[in-house]
Amino acid sequence: MNERIEIRWHGRGGQGAKTASLLLADVAFSQGLYVQGFPEYGPERMGAPITAYTRLSSNPIRVHSNIYEPDFVAVMDETLIGPVDVTSGLKEDGAIVVNTSKEPAEIAALLKGYKGKIYTVDAASISLATIGRNIPNTPMLAAVVKVSGAMDKEAFFDNMRNSFSHKFASKPEVVDGNMKALKMSMDGVNVYER
């Protein structure tokens, strides 16, 4: 892992962008990293655009602000591309990860001017197939971990199983569904490099 990784999450209320940012921070903390995970609050409501942030570092984090120049951006809903400047400040040596059934080259055409790597994963279909609902945060979380290289894959899976087992202790089927979503997403990431 680099000394510090900064991730900005774009989603709509109810898609789990805030939850994904916090889950990534929790898992990274359990692996000994310094972390921050927080949403940007405004007039949130179901379906409204929201932004959340995650910072991971091997050293103490002294900055306490939104992330303006992220290393990685996760877009939970492709319809945000255009109305929201999802690539604002995104480093060219970083990457964007988009929840879409489209090919990365199709998304590249929508990201006018962005010259970095573009990854796609069909998180909506994965979540429908594994947990029965279109909540793309779990598959997007796995895709971001894969793309960013923020942590070891097996350690990530182990920590996520522990987290899900604690959160859904009375619903083991939810744990299994979410674990399948993580694994399918890791295997389903597509890349486009210019």
N, C-alpha and C. Protein backbone atom coordinates (compact mmCIF):
# COMPACT_ATOMS: atom_id res chain seq x y z
N MET A 1 0.83 -1.19 0.00
CA MET A 1 0.00 0.00 0.00
C MET A 1 0.87 1.24 0.00
N ASN A 2 0.42 2.28 -0.71
CA ASN A 2 1.11 3.56 -0.66
C ASN A 2 1.01 4.11 0.76
N GLU A 3 1.77 5.14 1.04
CA GLU A 3 1.74 5.73 2.37
C GLU A 3 0.33 6.16 2.76
N ARG A 4 -0.42 6.74 1.80
CA ARG A 4 -1.81 7.12 2.06
C ARG A 4 -2.62 6.95 0.79
N ILE A 5 -3.83 6.40 0.94
CA ILE A 5 -4.76 6.24 -0.17
C ILE A 5 -6.03 7.00 0.20
N GLU A 6 -6.50 7.82 -0.76
CA GLU A 6 -7.73 8.58 -0.54
C GLU A 6 -8.76 8.19 -1.60
N ILE A 7 -9.96 7.89 -1.12
CA ILE A 7 -11.03 7.39 -1.99
C ILE A 7 -12.27 8.27 -1.80
N ARG A 8 -12.86 8.68 -2.92
CA ARG A 8 -14.12 9.42 -2.86
C ARG A 8 -15.20 8.53 -3.45
N TRP A 9 -16.33 8.45 -2.77
CA TRP A 9 -17.47 7.62 -3.17
C TRP A 9 -18.61 8.52 -3.63
N HIS A 10 -19.16 8.25 -4.81
CA HIS A 10 -20.34 8.97 -5.31
C HIS A 10 -21.47 7.95 -5.43
N GLY A 11 -22.61 8.30 -4.87
CA GLY A 11 -23.76 7.40 -4.96
C GLY A 11 -25.04 8.18 -4.81
N ARG A 12 -26.10 7.45 -4.68
CA ARG A 12 -27.41 8.05 -4.40
C ARG A 12 -27.86 7.53 -3.04
N GLY A 13 -28.62 8.33 -2.33
CA GLY A 13 -29.12 7.92 -1.03
C GLY A 13 -29.79 6.56 -1.11
N GLY A 14 -29.38 5.64 -0.25
CA GLY A 14 -29.94 4.30 -0.23
C GLY A 14 -29.10 3.25 -0.93
N GLN A 15 -28.05 3.66 -1.64
CA GLN A 15 -27.20 2.70 -2.34
C GLN A 15 -26.03 2.21 -1.49
N GLY A 16 -25.80 2.83 -0.36
CA GLY A 16 -24.77 2.35 0.55
C GLY A 16 -23.39 2.95 0.38
N ALA A 17 -23.26 4.12 -0.25
CA ALA A 17 -21.94 4.74 -0.41
C ALA A 17 -21.34 5.07 0.97
N LYS A 18 -22.16 5.62 1.85
CA LYS A 18 -21.67 5.94 3.20
C LYS A 18 -21.24 4.66 3.91
N THR A 19 -22.06 3.63 3.83
CA THR A 19 -21.75 2.37 4.49
C THR A 19 -20.47 1.77 3.93
N ALA A 20 -20.30 1.80 2.62
CA ALA A 20 -19.08 1.26 2.00
C ALA A 20 -17.84 2.02 2.47
N SER A 21 -17.94 3.34 2.56
CA SER A 21 -16.78 4.13 3.01
C SER A 21 -16.41 3.78 4.45
N LEU A 22 -17.41 3.57 5.28
CA LEU A 22 -17.16 3.23 6.68
C LEU A 22 -16.68 1.79 6.84
N LEU A 23 -17.26 0.86 6.06
CA LEU A 23 -16.81 -0.54 6.12
C LEU A 23 -15.36 -0.68 5.71
N LEU A 24 -14.96 0.03 4.64
CA LEU A 24 -13.56 -0.03 4.21
C LEU A 24 -12.65 0.50 5.31
N ALA A 25 -13.05 1.59 5.95
CA ALA A 25 -12.25 2.14 7.05
C ALA A 25 -12.16 1.13 8.20
N ASP A 26 -13.27 0.49 8.54
CA ASP A 26 -13.27 -0.50 9.63
C ASP A 26 -12.34 -1.67 9.35
N VAL A 27 -12.42 -2.19 8.12
CA VAL A 27 -11.60 -3.35 7.75
C VAL A 27 -10.12 -2.96 7.74
N ALA A 28 -9.81 -1.78 7.21
CA ALA A 28 -8.42 -1.32 7.17
C ALA A 28 -7.89 -1.10 8.59
N PHE A 29 -8.73 -0.56 9.47
CA PHE A 29 -8.33 -0.36 10.86
C PHE A 29 -8.00 -1.69 11.53
N SER A 30 -8.80 -2.71 11.25
CA SER A 30 -8.55 -4.03 11.85
C SER A 30 -7.26 -4.65 11.33
N GLN A 31 -6.74 -4.11 10.21
CA GLN A 31 -5.47 -4.58 9.67
C GLN A 31 -4.31 -3.67 10.09
N GLY A 32 -4.57 -2.77 11.03
CA GLY A 32 -3.49 -1.95 11.58
C GLY A 32 -3.23 -0.63 10.89
N LEU A 33 -4.11 -0.22 9.98
CA LEU A 33 -3.92 1.06 9.29
C LEU A 33 -4.61 2.18 10.05
N TYR A 34 -4.16 3.39 9.81
CA TYR A 34 -4.85 4.58 10.29
C TYR A 34 -5.93 4.89 9.27
N VAL A 35 -7.11 5.29 9.74
CA VAL A 35 -8.25 5.43 8.82
C VAL A 35 -9.12 6.64 9.14
N GLN A 36 -9.84 7.07 8.12
CA GLN A 36 -10.96 8.00 8.25
C GLN A 36 -12.02 7.54 7.27
N GLY A 37 -13.24 7.52 7.67
CA GLY A 37 -14.36 7.20 6.79
C GLY A 37 -15.53 8.09 7.21
N PHE A 38 -16.06 8.89 6.26
CA PHE A 38 -17.11 9.84 6.64
C PHE A 38 -17.89 10.28 5.40
N PRO A 39 -19.16 10.62 5.60
CA PRO A 39 -19.96 11.15 4.50
C PRO A 39 -19.92 12.68 4.51
N GLU A 40 -20.31 13.27 3.39
CA GLU A 40 -20.51 14.72 3.31
C GLU A 40 -22.00 14.92 3.45
N TYR A 41 -22.40 15.56 4.51
CA TYR A 41 -23.83 15.70 4.76
C TYR A 41 -24.40 16.93 4.09
N GLY A 42 -25.59 16.79 3.61
CA GLY A 42 -26.37 17.84 3.00
C GLY A 42 -27.82 17.41 3.12
N PRO A 43 -28.66 17.84 2.21
CA PRO A 43 -30.07 17.45 2.27
C PRO A 43 -30.30 16.06 1.68
N GLU A 44 -29.70 15.03 2.31
CA GLU A 44 -29.82 13.67 1.78
C GLU A 44 -31.24 13.15 1.88
N ARG A 45 -31.60 12.44 0.85
CA ARG A 45 -32.87 11.72 0.84
C ARG A 45 -32.70 10.57 -0.14
N MET A 46 -33.55 9.61 -0.08
CA MET A 46 -33.47 8.44 -0.95
C MET A 46 -33.37 8.89 -2.41
N GLY A 47 -32.32 8.46 -3.08
CA GLY A 47 -32.13 8.78 -4.50
C GLY A 47 -31.34 10.04 -4.80
N ALA A 48 -31.12 10.89 -3.80
CA ALA A 48 -30.36 12.12 -4.02
C ALA A 48 -28.86 11.81 -4.06
N PRO A 49 -28.10 12.55 -4.87
CA PRO A 49 -26.65 12.33 -4.91
C PRO A 49 -26.00 12.58 -3.54
N ILE A 50 -25.09 11.69 -3.16
CA ILE A 50 -24.34 11.85 -1.92
C ILE A 50 -22.87 11.56 -2.20
N THR A 51 -22.03 12.05 -1.31
CA THR A 51 -20.58 11.82 -1.41
C THR A 51 -20.08 11.33 -0.06
N ALA A 52 -19.18 10.37 -0.10
CA ALA A 52 -18.54 9.87 1.12
C ALA A 52 -17.05 9.72 0.83
N TYR A 53 -16.27 9.59 1.89
CA TYR A 53 -14.82 9.58 1.75
C TYR A 53 -14.18 8.52 2.64
N THR A 54 -13.03 8.00 2.17
CA THR A 54 -12.23 7.07 2.97
C THR A 54 -10.77 7.44 2.79
N ARG A 55 -10.07 7.56 3.92
CA ARG A 55 -8.61 7.73 3.91
C ARG A 55 -8.01 6.54 4.63
N LEU A 56 -6.96 5.96 4.03
CA LEU A 56 -6.23 4.85 4.63
C LEU A 56 -4.75 5.22 4.61
N SER A 57 -4.06 4.97 5.72
CA SER A 57 -2.66 5.35 5.77
C SER A 57 -1.88 4.44 6.70
N SER A 58 -0.61 4.27 6.38
CA SER A 58 0.28 3.53 7.27
C SER A 58 0.84 4.45 8.36
N ASN A 59 0.58 5.74 8.25
CA ASN A 59 1.01 6.74 9.24
C ASN A 59 -0.20 7.49 9.77
N PRO A 60 -0.08 8.14 10.94
CA PRO A 60 -1.21 8.92 11.45
C PRO A 60 -1.70 9.94 10.42
N ILE A 61 -3.00 10.14 10.37
CA ILE A 61 -3.62 11.08 9.42
C ILE A 61 -3.86 12.39 10.15
N ARG A 62 -3.26 13.45 9.64
CA ARG A 62 -3.37 14.76 10.29
C ARG A 62 -4.37 15.69 9.61
N VAL A 63 -4.79 15.36 8.40
CA VAL A 63 -5.73 16.20 7.67
C VAL A 63 -7.16 15.78 8.02
N HIS A 64 -8.03 16.79 8.17
CA HIS A 64 -9.43 16.53 8.53
C HIS A 64 -10.33 17.37 7.62
N SER A 65 -10.41 16.97 6.37
CA SER A 65 -11.24 17.69 5.40
C SER A 65 -11.79 16.69 4.40
N ASN A 66 -12.66 17.17 3.54
CA ASN A 66 -13.11 16.34 2.43
C ASN A 66 -11.90 16.00 1.57
N ILE A 67 -12.07 15.06 0.66
CA ILE A 67 -10.99 14.66 -0.23
C ILE A 67 -11.21 15.35 -1.57
N TYR A 68 -10.28 16.25 -1.93
CA TYR A 68 -10.41 17.03 -3.14
C TYR A 68 -9.58 16.48 -4.30
N GLU A 69 -8.54 15.72 -4.00
CA GLU A 69 -7.70 15.11 -5.02
C GLU A 69 -7.54 13.62 -4.72
N PRO A 70 -8.61 12.85 -4.96
CA PRO A 70 -8.59 11.43 -4.60
C PRO A 70 -7.66 10.62 -5.50
N ASP A 71 -7.18 9.52 -4.93
CA ASP A 71 -6.44 8.54 -5.72
C ASP A 71 -7.40 7.66 -6.50
N PHE A 72 -8.57 7.41 -5.89
CA PHE A 72 -9.58 6.55 -6.49
C PHE A 72 -10.96 7.14 -6.27
N VAL A 73 -11.83 6.93 -7.25
CA VAL A 73 -13.22 7.35 -7.14
C VAL A 73 -14.09 6.13 -7.42
N ALA A 74 -15.10 5.94 -6.59
CA ALA A 74 -16.09 4.87 -6.80
C ALA A 74 -17.43 5.52 -7.12
N VAL A 75 -18.02 5.12 -8.23
CA VAL A 75 -19.31 5.67 -8.65
C VAL A 75 -20.34 4.54 -8.57
N MET A 76 -21.25 4.66 -7.60
CA MET A 76 -22.24 3.61 -7.35
C MET A 76 -23.38 3.61 -8.37
N ASP A 77 -23.56 4.72 -9.08
CA ASP A 77 -24.67 4.85 -10.03
C ASP A 77 -24.18 5.62 -11.24
N GLU A 78 -24.12 4.96 -12.38
CA GLU A 78 -23.56 5.58 -13.58
C GLU A 78 -24.33 6.81 -14.03
N THR A 79 -25.61 6.97 -13.60
CA THR A 79 -26.38 8.15 -14.00
C THR A 79 -25.85 9.42 -13.33
N LEU A 80 -24.94 9.28 -12.39
CA LEU A 80 -24.32 10.46 -11.77
C LEU A 80 -23.25 11.06 -12.68
N ILE A 81 -22.75 10.27 -13.63
CA ILE A 81 -21.73 10.79 -14.55
C ILE A 81 -22.38 11.82 -15.45
N GLY A 82 -21.90 13.03 -15.39
CA GLY A 82 -22.49 14.14 -16.13
C GLY A 82 -23.07 15.14 -15.17
N PRO A 83 -24.18 14.80 -14.48
CA PRO A 83 -24.73 15.74 -13.51
C PRO A 83 -23.76 16.05 -12.35
N VAL A 84 -22.91 15.08 -12.01
CA VAL A 84 -21.90 15.28 -10.96
C VAL A 84 -20.53 15.13 -11.62
N ASP A 85 -19.62 16.03 -11.32
CA ASP A 85 -18.26 15.94 -11.87
C ASP A 85 -17.48 14.91 -11.07
N VAL A 86 -17.70 13.63 -11.38
CA VAL A 86 -17.13 12.54 -10.59
C VAL A 86 -15.61 12.45 -10.70
N THR A 87 -15.03 13.00 -11.75
CA THR A 87 -13.57 12.94 -11.91
C THR A 87 -12.87 14.20 -11.39
N SER A 88 -13.60 15.12 -10.80
CA SER A 88 -13.01 16.35 -10.28
C SER A 88 -11.84 16.04 -9.34
N GLY A 89 -10.66 16.53 -9.69
CA GLY A 89 -9.48 16.36 -8.85
C GLY A 89 -8.87 14.98 -8.87
N LEU A 90 -9.49 14.02 -9.56
CA LEU A 90 -8.98 12.65 -9.58
C LEU A 90 -7.61 12.59 -10.23
N LYS A 91 -6.66 12.01 -9.53
CA LYS A 91 -5.29 11.93 -10.02
C LYS A 91 -5.23 11.03 -11.25
N GLU A 92 -4.42 11.45 -12.24
CA GLU A 92 -4.30 10.67 -13.48
C GLU A 92 -3.67 9.31 -13.25
N ASP A 93 -2.86 9.16 -12.20
CA ASP A 93 -2.27 7.85 -11.93
C ASP A 93 -3.17 7.03 -11.00
N GLY A 94 -4.34 7.56 -10.71
CA GLY A 94 -5.34 6.83 -9.93
C GLY A 94 -6.29 6.11 -10.85
N ALA A 95 -7.54 5.96 -10.41
CA ALA A 95 -8.53 5.26 -11.24
C ALA A 95 -9.93 5.56 -10.74
N ILE A 96 -10.87 5.33 -11.65
CA ILE A 96 -12.28 5.44 -11.31
C ILE A 96 -12.90 4.06 -11.48
N VAL A 97 -13.79 3.69 -10.56
CA VAL A 97 -14.50 2.41 -10.60
C VAL A 97 -15.99 2.73 -10.69
N VAL A 98 -16.64 2.22 -11.74
CA VAL A 98 -18.04 2.56 -11.99
C VAL A 98 -18.91 1.31 -11.96
N ASN A 99 -20.02 1.40 -11.25
CA ASN A 99 -21.04 0.35 -11.25
C ASN A 99 -21.86 0.50 -12.53
N THR A 100 -21.65 -0.41 -13.46
CA THR A 100 -22.36 -0.35 -14.73
C THR A 100 -22.29 -1.70 -15.44
N SER A 101 -23.25 -1.94 -16.32
CA SER A 101 -23.18 -3.13 -17.17
C SER A 101 -22.47 -2.81 -18.48
N LYS A 102 -22.12 -1.53 -18.67
CA LYS A 102 -21.43 -1.10 -19.89
C LYS A 102 -19.96 -1.48 -19.84
N GLU A 103 -19.35 -1.52 -21.00
CA GLU A 103 -17.92 -1.76 -21.11
C GLU A 103 -17.16 -0.50 -20.67
N PRO A 104 -15.96 -0.66 -20.15
CA PRO A 104 -15.18 0.50 -19.73
C PRO A 104 -14.98 1.55 -20.83
N ALA A 105 -14.84 1.13 -22.08
CA ALA A 105 -14.64 2.08 -23.17
C ALA A 105 -15.88 2.97 -23.35
N GLU A 106 -17.08 2.43 -23.09
CA GLU A 106 -18.30 3.23 -23.19
C GLU A 106 -18.33 4.29 -22.10
N ILE A 107 -17.87 3.93 -20.91
CA ILE A 107 -17.83 4.89 -19.81
C ILE A 107 -16.76 5.95 -20.08
N ALA A 108 -15.66 5.55 -20.71
CA ALA A 108 -14.58 6.50 -21.04
C ALA A 108 -15.12 7.64 -21.89
N ALA A 109 -16.02 7.34 -22.80
CA ALA A 109 -16.58 8.38 -23.67
C ALA A 109 -17.41 9.39 -22.87
N LEU A 110 -17.98 8.97 -21.75
CA LEU A 110 -18.78 9.87 -20.91
C LEU A 110 -17.92 10.73 -19.99
N LEU A 111 -16.70 10.27 -19.72
CA LEU A 111 -15.80 10.98 -18.80
C LEU A 111 -14.89 11.90 -19.61
N LYS A 112 -15.48 12.89 -20.20
CA LYS A 112 -14.78 13.79 -21.10
C LYS A 112 -13.53 14.39 -20.44
N GLY A 113 -12.39 14.09 -21.04
CA GLY A 113 -11.16 14.70 -20.57
C GLY A 113 -10.38 13.89 -19.56
N TYR A 114 -11.01 12.90 -18.90
CA TYR A 114 -10.28 12.11 -17.91
C TYR A 114 -9.36 11.13 -18.63
N LYS A 115 -8.08 11.12 -18.25
CA LYS A 115 -7.10 10.32 -18.96
C LYS A 115 -6.58 9.11 -18.17
N GLY A 116 -7.08 8.90 -16.97
CA GLY A 116 -6.62 7.79 -16.14
C GLY A 116 -7.33 6.48 -16.43
N LYS A 117 -7.07 5.49 -15.59
CA LYS A 117 -7.66 4.16 -15.75
C LYS A 117 -9.14 4.19 -15.35
N ILE A 118 -9.91 3.38 -16.08
CA ILE A 118 -11.34 3.26 -15.81
C ILE A 118 -11.64 1.79 -15.61
N TYR A 119 -12.29 1.49 -14.48
CA TYR A 119 -12.70 0.12 -14.17
C TYR A 119 -14.21 0.09 -14.07
N THR A 120 -14.81 -1.00 -14.52
CA THR A 120 -16.24 -1.18 -14.36
C THR A 120 -16.52 -2.53 -13.72
N VAL A 121 -17.63 -2.58 -13.03
CA VAL A 121 -18.13 -3.83 -12.46
C VAL A 121 -19.65 -3.70 -12.40
N ASP A 122 -20.35 -4.77 -12.74
CA ASP A 122 -21.81 -4.73 -12.72
C ASP A 122 -22.29 -5.07 -11.31
N ALA A 123 -22.07 -4.13 -10.40
CA ALA A 123 -22.40 -4.32 -8.98
C ALA A 123 -23.90 -4.51 -8.76
N ALA A 124 -24.71 -3.86 -9.59
CA ALA A 124 -26.17 -4.00 -9.44
C ALA A 124 -26.59 -5.44 -9.70
N SER A 125 -26.12 -6.03 -10.79
CA SER A 125 -26.47 -7.41 -11.11
C SER A 125 -25.92 -8.38 -10.07
N ILE A 126 -24.70 -8.11 -9.61
CA ILE A 126 -24.08 -8.97 -8.60
C ILE A 126 -24.90 -8.94 -7.31
N SER A 127 -25.30 -7.75 -6.87
CA SER A 127 -26.06 -7.66 -5.62
C SER A 127 -27.44 -8.30 -5.77
N LEU A 128 -28.06 -8.16 -6.94
CA LEU A 128 -29.36 -8.82 -7.16
C LEU A 128 -29.21 -10.33 -7.12
N ALA A 129 -28.14 -10.84 -7.71
CA ALA A 129 -27.93 -12.29 -7.77
C ALA A 129 -27.56 -12.89 -6.42
N THR A 130 -26.89 -12.13 -5.57
CA THR A 130 -26.36 -12.70 -4.32
C THR A 130 -27.18 -12.36 -3.08
N ILE A 131 -27.76 -11.15 -3.05
CA ILE A 131 -28.54 -10.78 -1.86
C ILE A 131 -30.00 -10.46 -2.17
N GLY A 132 -30.34 -10.47 -3.48
CA GLY A 132 -31.73 -10.28 -3.87
C GLY A 132 -32.21 -8.85 -3.91
N ARG A 133 -31.31 -7.89 -3.73
CA ARG A 133 -31.68 -6.47 -3.76
C ARG A 133 -30.59 -5.69 -4.48
N ASN A 134 -30.98 -4.60 -5.12
CA ASN A 134 -30.01 -3.74 -5.80
C ASN A 134 -29.40 -2.76 -4.80
N ILE A 135 -28.46 -3.27 -4.03
CA ILE A 135 -27.68 -2.44 -3.10
C ILE A 135 -26.22 -2.71 -3.45
N PRO A 136 -25.63 -1.83 -4.29
CA PRO A 136 -24.32 -2.14 -4.86
C PRO A 136 -23.11 -1.91 -3.96
N ASN A 137 -23.32 -1.54 -2.70
CA ASN A 137 -22.15 -1.17 -1.89
C ASN A 137 -21.18 -2.31 -1.63
N THR A 138 -21.67 -3.52 -1.37
CA THR A 138 -20.76 -4.64 -1.09
C THR A 138 -19.90 -4.98 -2.32
N PRO A 139 -20.52 -5.16 -3.50
CA PRO A 139 -19.67 -5.42 -4.67
C PRO A 139 -18.72 -4.26 -4.99
N MET A 140 -19.17 -3.03 -4.84
CA MET A 140 -18.31 -1.89 -5.13
C MET A 140 -17.14 -1.82 -4.15
N LEU A 141 -17.39 -2.18 -2.91
CA LEU A 141 -16.32 -2.22 -1.90
C LEU A 141 -15.22 -3.18 -2.34
N ALA A 142 -15.59 -4.37 -2.78
CA ALA A 142 -14.60 -5.35 -3.24
C ALA A 142 -13.85 -4.84 -4.47
N ALA A 143 -14.56 -4.21 -5.39
CA ALA A 143 -13.92 -3.68 -6.60
C ALA A 143 -12.90 -2.61 -6.24
N VAL A 144 -13.24 -1.73 -5.31
CA VAL A 144 -12.31 -0.68 -4.89
C VAL A 144 -11.08 -1.28 -4.22
N VAL A 145 -11.27 -2.29 -3.39
CA VAL A 145 -10.12 -2.94 -2.75
C VAL A 145 -9.22 -3.57 -3.80
N LYS A 146 -9.81 -4.22 -4.80
CA LYS A 146 -9.01 -4.85 -5.85
C LYS A 146 -8.24 -3.80 -6.65
N VAL A 147 -8.92 -2.76 -7.08
CA VAL A 147 -8.31 -1.73 -7.93
C VAL A 147 -7.25 -0.93 -7.17
N SER A 148 -7.52 -0.61 -5.91
CA SER A 148 -6.59 0.23 -5.14
C SER A 148 -5.41 -0.55 -4.58
N GLY A 149 -5.57 -1.85 -4.40
CA GLY A 149 -4.51 -2.63 -3.76
C GLY A 149 -4.31 -2.21 -2.31
N ALA A 150 -5.37 -1.67 -1.70
CA ALA A 150 -5.28 -1.12 -0.35
C ALA A 150 -4.96 -2.16 0.71
N MET A 151 -5.30 -3.42 0.44
CA MET A 151 -5.05 -4.47 1.43
C MET A 151 -5.03 -5.83 0.77
N ASP A 152 -4.49 -6.79 1.48
CA ASP A 152 -4.44 -8.16 1.02
C ASP A 152 -5.85 -8.71 0.83
N LYS A 153 -6.08 -9.37 -0.29
CA LYS A 153 -7.41 -9.89 -0.64
C LYS A 153 -7.94 -10.86 0.42
N GLU A 154 -7.13 -11.82 0.83
CA GLU A 154 -7.60 -12.81 1.80
C GLU A 154 -7.89 -12.19 3.17
N ALA A 155 -7.03 -11.27 3.59
CA ALA A 155 -7.28 -10.57 4.86
C ALA A 155 -8.57 -9.75 4.77
N PHE A 156 -8.80 -9.14 3.61
CA PHE A 156 -10.03 -8.38 3.39
C PHE A 156 -11.25 -9.29 3.53
N PHE A 157 -11.22 -10.46 2.86
CA PHE A 157 -12.35 -11.39 2.94
C PHE A 157 -12.57 -11.86 4.38
N ASP A 158 -11.50 -12.20 5.09
CA ASP A 158 -11.63 -12.66 6.48
C ASP A 158 -12.26 -11.58 7.36
N ASN A 159 -11.77 -10.35 7.22
CA ASN A 159 -12.31 -9.26 8.04
C ASN A 159 -13.75 -8.92 7.67
N MET A 160 -14.08 -9.02 6.39
CA MET A 160 -15.46 -8.75 5.99
C MET A 160 -16.39 -9.84 6.51
N ARG A 161 -15.96 -11.10 6.47
CA ARG A 161 -16.80 -12.18 7.02
C ARG A 161 -17.05 -11.93 8.51
N ASN A 162 -16.02 -11.54 9.25
CA ASN A 162 -16.19 -11.23 10.68
C ASN A 162 -17.15 -10.07 10.88
N SER A 163 -17.01 -9.03 10.07
CA SER A 163 -17.88 -7.87 10.18
C SER A 163 -19.33 -8.24 9.88
N PHE A 164 -19.56 -8.96 8.77
CA PHE A 164 -20.91 -9.37 8.41
C PHE A 164 -21.50 -10.33 9.45
N SER A 165 -20.68 -11.24 9.97
CA SER A 165 -21.16 -12.21 10.97
C SER A 165 -21.62 -11.50 12.23
N HIS A 166 -20.92 -10.43 12.59
CA HIS A 166 -21.31 -9.66 13.78
C HIS A 166 -22.59 -8.87 13.49
N LYS A 167 -22.61 -8.20 12.34
CA LYS A 167 -23.75 -7.34 11.99
C LYS A 167 -25.03 -8.14 11.73
N PHE A 168 -24.89 -9.29 11.08
CA PHE A 168 -26.05 -10.10 10.70
C PHE A 168 -26.04 -11.44 11.43
N ALA A 169 -25.77 -11.43 12.72
CA ALA A 169 -25.66 -12.67 13.51
C ALA A 169 -26.89 -13.55 13.40
N SER A 170 -28.06 -12.96 13.30
CA SER A 170 -29.29 -13.75 13.25
C SER A 170 -29.72 -14.09 11.81
N LYS A 171 -28.92 -13.66 10.82
CA LYS A 171 -29.27 -13.90 9.41
C LYS A 171 -28.05 -14.44 8.65
N PRO A 172 -27.66 -15.69 8.88
CA PRO A 172 -26.47 -16.23 8.21
C PRO A 172 -26.57 -16.22 6.68
N GLU A 173 -27.78 -16.28 6.14
CA GLU A 173 -27.94 -16.24 4.69
C GLU A 173 -27.49 -14.91 4.11
N VAL A 174 -27.65 -13.83 4.90
CA VAL A 174 -27.19 -12.50 4.47
C VAL A 174 -25.67 -12.46 4.43
N VAL A 175 -25.03 -13.10 5.42
CA VAL A 175 -23.57 -13.16 5.46
C VAL A 175 -23.06 -13.88 4.21
N ASP A 176 -23.62 -15.04 3.92
CA ASP A 176 -23.19 -15.82 2.76
C ASP A 176 -23.42 -15.06 1.46
N GLY A 177 -24.55 -14.40 1.33
CA GLY A 177 -24.85 -13.62 0.13
C GLY A 177 -23.87 -12.49 -0.08
N ASN A 178 -23.55 -11.78 1.00
CA ASN A 178 -22.60 -10.68 0.89
C ASN A 178 -21.20 -11.17 0.57
N MET A 179 -20.80 -12.31 1.13
CA MET A 179 -19.48 -12.87 0.83
C MET A 179 -19.40 -13.29 -0.64
N LYS A 180 -20.49 -13.85 -1.17
CA LYS A 180 -20.52 -14.21 -2.59
C LYS A 180 -20.42 -12.95 -3.45
N ALA A 181 -21.09 -11.89 -3.02
CA ALA A 181 -21.04 -10.62 -3.77
C ALA A 181 -19.61 -10.08 -3.82
N LEU A 182 -18.89 -10.16 -2.70
CA LEU A 182 -17.50 -9.69 -2.67
C LEU A 182 -16.64 -10.47 -3.67
N LYS A 183 -16.78 -11.78 -3.64
CA LYS A 183 -15.95 -12.64 -4.50
C LYS A 183 -16.31 -12.46 -5.98
N MET A 184 -17.60 -12.39 -6.29
CA MET A 184 -18.02 -12.18 -7.68
C MET A 184 -17.51 -10.85 -8.21
N SER A 185 -17.55 -9.83 -7.37
CA SER A 185 -17.09 -8.51 -7.78
C SER A 185 -15.59 -8.49 -8.04
N MET A 186 -14.82 -9.12 -7.16
CA MET A 186 -13.37 -9.19 -7.36
C MET A 186 -13.05 -9.82 -8.71
N ASP A 187 -13.83 -10.83 -9.08
CA ASP A 187 -13.59 -11.54 -10.35
C ASP A 187 -14.18 -10.82 -11.55
N GLY A 188 -15.12 -9.89 -11.29
CA GLY A 188 -15.86 -9.27 -12.39
C GLY A 188 -15.42 -7.87 -12.79
N VAL A 189 -14.30 -7.41 -12.27
CA VAL A 189 -13.84 -6.05 -12.59
C VAL A 189 -13.21 -6.03 -13.98
N ASN A 190 -13.63 -5.05 -14.80
CA ASN A 190 -13.09 -4.86 -16.14
C ASN A 190 -12.28 -3.56 -16.16
N VAL A 191 -11.24 -3.50 -16.97
CA VAL A 191 -10.37 -2.32 -17.00
C VAL A 191 -10.24 -1.74 -18.40
N TYR A 192 -10.10 -0.42 -18.45
CA TYR A 192 -9.84 0.31 -19.70
C TYR A 192 -8.68 1.25 -19.43
N GLU A 193 -7.61 1.07 -20.19
CA GLU A 193 -6.46 1.96 -20.07
C GLU A 193 -6.25 2.65 -21.41
N ARG A 194 -6.03 3.91 -21.38
CA ARG A 194 -5.82 4.67 -22.63
C ARG A 194 -4.41 4.45 -23.13
